[in-house]
């Protein structure tokens, strides 16, 4: 009997994982999904209880044949696609196709591709999560029903080439509602007056907030110019100085949406570009003498939880770089 086999998502992840395991395991990639609903038909038996019919994807038969051959001679098979609904579906479909040669498999979750995380996952395998798989089934069936049944209505009644979707149609509705609000908005002109003041070389800006004991409202250029002329020769006094300490806590770890938002705001990346780069960082990059290293945790998540090991490593690094006084008693 051969070595244990680990099946992951993509070759880059396979290479990183195999490196961390020192060649003790064989690691192969499924290259994404191996099965899906048929492309040219609905693939869902609506009358029979919304039962889906999955088929092996074009171009995946050779991959599946290779994985079956490897599984047949392996000791134990670990299914390690990504730790989310899609990954669970890939693992379940792999099990369906491999059980003729390997009736029992184990599911492992790599939330990050580091030596400790990989070894810890292999020490704590679990069975396939049917509830998670059923959640993915429900999503996939809804996608197919909405897309395949509503899109033709758009072609006939609106314009050819349009498409409807479980997510995109709702998003389009939100965009349309927002655009209607924008079009209905009646702009109101207002002016802000700011004075640049200097006291013994100390320069600061002061904004006009009150006028005659009331909130200042400057509605047009003429009123603004009149106020500026009146204030230009006024005597200015500092009535009160208030000093406050402000604490700004560190931002929480990224989730999928905040990662995409900051990448768009700061780097002008599209969501697709952000996720492509994040996938590469997660699966592993060549880093000098260290070789291939996984650099981030799994990027498709809505959790801000940080493992206790990562928290401890961060605390040790802060203490080393800045001193122990900068390490809080408990994580923020």
Protein backbone atom coordinates (compact mmCIF):
# COMPACT_ATOMS: atom_id res chain seq x y z
CA UNK A 1 0.00 0.00 0.00
CA UNK A 2 1.32 3.43 -0.96
CA UNK A 3 1.61 6.67 0.92
CA UNK A 4 -1.42 8.61 2.12
CA UNK A 5 -2.95 10.91 -0.49
CA UNK A 6 -4.12 14.51 0.03
CA UNK A 7 -6.34 16.08 -2.65
CA UNK A 8 -6.41 19.88 -2.70
CA UNK A 9 -7.92 22.53 -4.97
CA UNK A 10 -5.10 23.85 -7.21
CA UNK A 11 -1.52 22.81 -8.02
CA UNK A 12 0.04 25.81 -6.22
CA UNK A 13 -1.64 24.74 -2.98
CA UNK A 14 -0.53 21.16 -3.63
CA UNK A 15 3.10 22.25 -4.03
CA UNK A 16 3.07 24.29 -0.82
CA UNK A 17 1.36 21.53 1.16
CA UNK A 18 3.73 18.82 -0.11
CA UNK A 19 6.74 20.95 0.79
CA UNK A 20 5.54 21.35 4.38
CA UNK A 21 5.01 17.59 4.75
CA UNK A 22 8.56 16.70 3.64
CA UNK A 23 7.39 14.27 0.98
CA UNK A 24 5.68 11.94 3.46
CA UNK A 25 2.32 12.37 1.68
CA UNK A 26 1.37 12.44 -1.98
CA UNK A 27 -0.49 15.68 -2.76
CA UNK A 28 -2.57 16.14 -5.92
CA UNK A 29 -5.02 18.78 -7.17
CA UNK A 30 -8.60 18.40 -8.43
CA UNK A 31 -8.29 21.66 -10.40
CA UNK A 32 -11.52 23.01 -8.93
CA UNK A 33 -14.94 21.42 -9.31
CA UNK A 34 -15.07 18.05 -11.02
CA UNK A 35 -18.89 17.91 -11.34
CA UNK A 36 -21.65 20.41 -12.02
CA UNK A 37 -25.16 20.66 -13.39
CA UNK A 38 -25.33 19.99 -17.16
CA UNK A 39 -24.59 23.08 -19.23
CA UNK A 40 -27.35 22.72 -21.85
CA UNK A 41 -30.30 21.70 -19.68
CA UNK A 42 -31.88 22.75 -16.39
CA UNK A 43 -30.44 19.75 -14.55
CA UNK A 44 -32.97 20.05 -11.70
CA UNK A 45 -36.02 17.79 -11.35
CA UNK A 46 -38.44 20.43 -10.07
CA UNK A 47 -41.49 18.13 -10.03
CA UNK A 48 -39.53 15.40 -8.25
CA UNK A 49 -38.51 17.53 -5.29
CA UNK A 50 -35.83 19.80 -6.81
CA UNK A 51 -33.34 16.93 -7.14
CA UNK A 52 -30.19 18.03 -9.02
CA UNK A 53 -28.41 15.93 -11.64
CA UNK A 54 -24.66 16.40 -11.61
CA UNK A 55 -22.33 15.32 -14.41
CA UNK A 56 -18.55 15.16 -14.68
CA UNK A 57 -17.29 18.38 -16.27
CA UNK A 58 -15.66 18.44 -19.69
CA UNK A 59 -11.91 18.27 -19.35
CA UNK A 60 -12.07 16.70 -15.87
CA UNK A 61 -12.33 13.03 -16.89
CA UNK A 62 -8.56 12.69 -17.26
CA UNK A 63 -8.01 14.39 -13.89
CA UNK A 64 -10.60 12.13 -12.29
CA UNK A 65 -9.00 9.05 -13.82
CA UNK A 66 -5.61 10.10 -12.41
CA UNK A 67 -7.06 10.77 -8.94
CA UNK A 68 -8.82 7.39 -8.94
CA UNK A 69 -5.58 5.62 -9.81
CA UNK A 70 -3.72 7.48 -7.06
CA UNK A 71 -6.49 6.81 -4.51
CA UNK A 72 -6.60 3.08 -5.35
CA UNK A 73 -2.95 2.59 -4.35
CA UNK A 74 -2.93 5.12 -1.48
CA UNK A 75 -3.07 4.26 2.20
CA UNK A 76 -5.60 6.84 3.35
CA UNK A 77 -7.21 9.59 1.29
CA UNK A 78 -7.65 13.09 2.75
CA UNK A 79 -9.96 15.48 0.89
CA UNK A 80 -8.68 19.04 1.42
CA UNK A 81 -10.51 21.46 -0.90
CA UNK A 82 -11.11 24.95 0.50
CA UNK A 83 -12.90 25.29 3.89
CA UNK A 84 -16.22 26.66 2.63
CA UNK A 85 -19.44 25.48 0.96
CA UNK A 86 -17.83 25.17 -2.47
CA UNK A 87 -14.95 23.21 -1.01
CA UNK A 88 -17.34 20.86 0.79
CA UNK A 89 -19.20 20.25 -2.49
CA UNK A 90 -15.93 19.46 -4.28
CA UNK A 91 -14.98 17.07 -1.47
CA UNK A 92 -18.40 15.38 -1.61
CA UNK A 93 -18.26 14.96 -5.39
CA UNK A 94 -14.73 13.56 -5.13
CA UNK A 95 -15.97 11.05 -2.56
CA UNK A 96 -18.81 9.99 -4.86
CA UNK A 97 -16.35 9.30 -7.68
CA UNK A 98 -13.58 7.73 -5.56
CA UNK A 99 -15.59 5.46 -3.28
CA UNK A 100 -15.52 2.64 -5.83
CA UNK A 101 -11.76 2.37 -5.17
CA UNK A 102 -11.60 3.95 -1.69
CA UNK A 103 -14.84 3.48 0.31
CA UNK A 104 -13.62 5.62 3.24
CA UNK A 105 -12.10 9.08 3.04
CA UNK A 106 -11.32 11.84 5.55
CA UNK A 107 -12.05 15.56 5.25
CA UNK A 108 -9.41 18.03 6.43
CA UNK A 109 -9.61 21.84 6.55
CA UNK A 110 -6.66 24.12 5.85
CA UNK A 111 -7.66 27.58 7.10
CA UNK A 112 -4.12 28.69 6.37
CA UNK A 113 -1.25 27.04 4.52
CA UNK A 114 1.50 26.97 7.13
CA UNK A 115 3.44 23.96 8.45
CA UNK A 116 1.67 23.97 11.82
CA UNK A 117 -1.79 24.51 10.33
CA UNK A 118 -1.36 21.71 7.78
CA UNK A 119 -0.08 19.22 10.36
CA UNK A 120 -2.79 20.20 12.85
CA UNK A 121 -5.49 19.66 10.21
CA UNK A 122 -4.15 16.19 9.39
CA UNK A 123 -4.17 15.32 13.10
CA UNK A 124 -7.87 16.27 13.38
CA UNK A 125 -9.66 14.91 10.29
CA UNK A 126 -13.45 14.73 10.20
CA UNK A 127 -16.15 13.19 8.08
CA UNK A 128 -17.86 15.06 5.26
CA UNK A 129 -20.29 17.74 6.42
CA UNK A 130 -23.59 16.86 4.75
CA UNK A 131 -25.34 19.99 6.04
CA UNK A 132 -22.65 22.20 4.51
CA UNK A 133 -22.93 20.25 1.25
CA UNK A 134 -26.71 20.65 1.26
CA UNK A 135 -26.28 24.41 1.75
CA UNK A 136 -24.12 24.50 -1.39
CA UNK A 137 -26.69 22.38 -3.23
CA UNK A 138 -29.45 24.84 -2.34
CA UNK A 139 -27.35 27.76 -3.59
CA UNK A 140 -26.45 25.98 -6.82
CA UNK A 141 -30.04 24.91 -7.51
CA UNK A 142 -31.34 28.45 -6.88
CA UNK A 143 -28.67 29.85 -9.21
CA UNK A 144 -29.74 27.47 -11.94
CA UNK A 145 -33.49 27.98 -11.51
CA UNK A 146 -33.27 31.76 -11.51
CA UNK A 147 -30.69 32.01 -14.27
CA UNK A 148 -32.12 29.45 -16.67
CA UNK A 149 -35.78 30.35 -16.21
CA UNK A 150 -35.73 34.15 -15.94
CA UNK A 151 -32.95 35.00 -18.41
CA UNK A 152 -35.04 33.83 -21.42
CA UNK A 153 -37.82 36.20 -20.30
CA UNK A 154 -35.34 39.08 -20.49
CA UNK A 155 -34.25 38.02 -23.99
CA UNK A 156 -37.84 37.98 -25.24
CA UNK A 157 -39.14 41.09 -23.47
CA UNK A 158 -36.16 43.40 -22.90
CA UNK A 159 -32.99 42.67 -24.86
CA UNK A 160 -31.01 39.68 -26.03
CA UNK A 161 -27.85 38.78 -24.17
CA UNK A 162 -29.11 39.95 -20.76
CA UNK A 163 -28.97 37.60 -17.80
CA UNK A 164 -30.73 37.24 -14.47
CA UNK A 165 -29.26 35.72 -11.33
CA UNK A 166 -29.97 34.94 -7.69
CA UNK A 167 -27.49 37.63 -6.60
CA UNK A 168 -27.06 39.93 -9.58
CA UNK A 169 -30.78 40.64 -10.03
CA UNK A 170 -31.11 41.78 -6.42
CA UNK A 171 -27.96 43.90 -6.78
CA UNK A 172 -29.34 45.50 -9.95
CA UNK A 173 -32.54 46.35 -8.07
CA UNK A 174 -30.53 48.06 -5.31
CA UNK A 175 -28.49 50.01 -7.88
CA UNK A 176 -31.66 51.13 -9.68
CA UNK A 177 -33.31 52.27 -6.43
CA UNK A 178 -30.20 54.22 -5.47
CA UNK A 179 -30.00 55.83 -8.92
CA UNK A 180 -33.63 56.93 -8.63
CA UNK A 181 -32.85 58.53 -5.26
CA UNK A 182 -29.94 60.38 -6.85
CA UNK A 183 -32.09 61.62 -9.71
CA UNK A 184 -34.81 62.78 -7.29
CA UNK A 185 -32.36 64.64 -5.07
CA UNK A 186 -32.70 68.42 -5.09
CA UNK A 187 -29.32 70.01 -4.33
CA UNK A 188 -29.17 72.93 -1.91
CA UNK A 189 -26.32 75.42 -2.23
CA UNK A 190 -24.30 76.16 0.89
CA UNK A 191 -20.94 77.72 1.62
CA UNK A 192 -18.32 76.95 4.28
CA UNK A 193 -16.09 79.76 5.55
CA UNK A 194 -12.71 78.87 7.01
CA UNK A 195 -10.15 81.30 8.45
CA UNK A 196 -6.42 80.55 8.44
CA UNK A 197 -5.07 82.12 11.65
CA UNK A 198 -1.55 82.71 12.89
CA UNK A 199 -0.48 83.34 16.50
CA UNK A 200 3.23 83.80 17.08
CA UNK A 201 4.07 81.41 14.28
CA UNK A 202 1.49 78.80 15.26
CA UNK A 203 -0.90 78.43 12.33
CA UNK A 204 -4.28 76.77 12.53
CA UNK A 205 -7.62 76.76 10.70
CA UNK A 206 -10.94 77.80 12.24
CA UNK A 207 -14.31 77.15 10.61
CA UNK A 208 -17.29 79.46 11.05
CA UNK A 209 -19.87 77.47 13.00
CA UNK A 210 -22.04 80.12 14.72
CA UNK A 211 -23.18 83.60 13.80
CA UNK A 212 -25.06 85.76 16.30
CA UNK A 213 -25.50 82.78 18.63
CA UNK A 214 -27.06 80.64 15.92
CA UNK A 215 -25.73 78.00 13.56
CA UNK A 216 -24.13 79.74 10.61
CA UNK A 217 -25.98 79.21 7.32
CA UNK A 218 -24.38 80.71 4.21
CA UNK A 219 -26.57 79.92 1.23
CA UNK A 220 -24.92 81.77 -1.66
CA UNK A 221 -21.73 83.41 -2.91
CA UNK A 222 -22.97 86.95 -2.22
CA UNK A 223 -23.64 86.19 1.45
CA UNK A 224 -20.28 84.44 1.75
CA UNK A 225 -18.38 87.40 0.28
CA UNK A 226 -20.21 89.83 2.61
CA UNK A 227 -19.32 87.73 5.66
CA UNK A 228 -15.69 87.40 4.61
CA UNK A 229 -15.41 91.19 4.21
CA UNK A 230 -16.95 91.65 7.64
CA UNK A 231 -14.76 89.04 9.32
CA UNK A 232 -11.51 89.99 7.63
CA UNK A 233 -10.97 93.00 9.91
CA UNK A 234 -12.53 91.48 13.02
CA UNK A 235 -10.62 91.00 16.26
CA UNK A 236 -10.04 87.30 16.89
CA UNK A 237 -9.71 85.76 20.33
CA UNK A 238 -9.15 82.22 21.52
CA UNK A 239 -12.00 81.71 23.95
CA UNK A 240 -11.30 78.14 25.01
CA UNK A 241 -8.79 75.37 24.33
CA UNK A 242 -9.85 71.78 24.89
CA UNK A 243 -7.37 68.91 24.74
CA UNK A 244 -8.64 65.35 24.43
CA UNK A 245 -6.90 62.03 24.09
CA UNK A 246 -8.30 59.90 21.32
CA UNK A 247 -7.70 56.20 21.08
CA UNK A 248 -8.25 54.41 17.83
CA UNK A 249 -8.30 50.64 18.13
CA UNK A 250 -6.65 48.53 15.50
CA UNK A 251 -8.90 47.57 12.61
CA UNK A 252 -10.28 44.02 12.79
CA UNK A 253 -8.83 41.39 10.46
CA UNK A 254 -10.14 41.47 6.92
CA UNK A 255 -13.19 39.56 5.85
CA UNK A 256 -13.97 39.07 2.18
CA UNK A 257 -16.03 42.25 1.77
CA UNK A 258 -13.65 44.59 3.64
CA UNK A 259 -10.66 43.16 1.77
CA UNK A 260 -12.37 43.94 -1.54
CA UNK A 261 -13.45 47.40 -0.36
CA UNK A 262 -9.95 48.46 0.75
CA UNK A 263 -8.32 46.96 -2.36
CA UNK A 264 -10.72 48.99 -4.49
CA UNK A 265 -10.33 52.21 -2.46
CA UNK A 266 -6.55 52.11 -2.04
CA UNK A 267 -5.32 50.12 -5.04
CA UNK A 268 -8.19 50.49 -7.53
CA UNK A 269 -8.46 46.69 -7.86
CA UNK A 270 -11.63 45.03 -9.09
CA UNK A 271 -13.16 42.37 -6.79
CA UNK A 272 -12.10 39.64 -9.23
CA UNK A 273 -8.50 40.92 -9.29
CA UNK A 274 -8.42 41.13 -5.49
CA UNK A 275 -9.65 37.57 -5.04
CA UNK A 276 -7.25 36.22 -7.67
CA UNK A 277 -4.28 37.77 -5.86
CA UNK A 278 -5.60 36.67 -2.46
CA UNK A 279 -5.96 33.09 -3.74
CA UNK A 280 -2.30 33.08 -4.77
CA UNK A 281 -1.21 34.49 -1.40
CA UNK A 282 -3.24 31.82 0.39
CA UNK A 283 -1.97 28.91 -1.72
CA UNK A 284 1.65 29.99 -1.41
CA UNK A 285 4.26 32.24 -3.04
CA UNK A 286 8.00 31.85 -3.50
CA UNK A 287 9.69 33.90 -0.75
CA UNK A 288 13.47 33.95 -1.11
CA UNK A 289 15.29 31.17 0.72
CA UNK A 290 12.10 30.07 2.46
CA UNK A 291 10.72 28.76 -0.81
CA UNK A 292 6.96 28.50 -1.28
CA UNK A 293 5.06 29.94 1.71
CA UNK A 294 1.35 30.49 2.39
CA UNK A 295 1.06 34.17 3.33
CA UNK A 296 -2.58 34.74 4.36
CA UNK A 297 -5.44 32.78 5.88
CA UNK A 298 -8.41 31.66 3.78
CA UNK A 299 -9.86 34.74 2.11
CA UNK A 300 -13.50 33.76 1.56
CA UNK A 301 -14.82 34.36 5.07
CA UNK A 302 -17.04 36.59 7.18
CA UNK A 303 -15.20 35.71 10.42
CA UNK A 304 -12.65 38.00 12.12
CA UNK A 305 -11.45 35.26 14.48
CA UNK A 306 -7.68 34.94 14.79
CA UNK A 307 -6.20 31.66 16.01
CA UNK A 308 -4.56 31.63 19.44
CA UNK A 309 -1.23 30.69 17.81
CA UNK A 310 -1.35 33.74 15.51
CA UNK A 311 -2.31 36.01 18.42
CA UNK A 312 0.66 34.77 20.45
CA UNK A 313 3.02 35.21 17.50
CA UNK A 314 1.77 38.79 17.02
CA UNK A 315 2.24 39.59 20.72
CA UNK A 316 5.80 38.27 20.64
CA UNK A 317 6.61 40.30 17.51
CA UNK A 318 5.19 43.53 19.00
CA UNK A 319 7.19 43.01 22.18
CA UNK A 320 10.36 42.39 20.17
CA UNK A 321 9.94 45.41 17.87
CA UNK A 322 8.43 48.00 20.22
CA UNK A 323 8.83 46.70 23.76
CA UNK A 324 6.56 44.79 26.19
CA UNK A 325 4.77 47.99 27.27
CA UNK A 326 3.03 48.04 23.87
CA UNK A 327 1.55 44.57 24.33
CA UNK A 328 -2.00 44.74 25.79
CA UNK A 329 -2.96 42.41 28.63
CA UNK A 330 -5.56 40.81 26.41
CA UNK A 331 -6.17 40.91 22.65
CA UNK A 332 -8.06 43.96 21.39
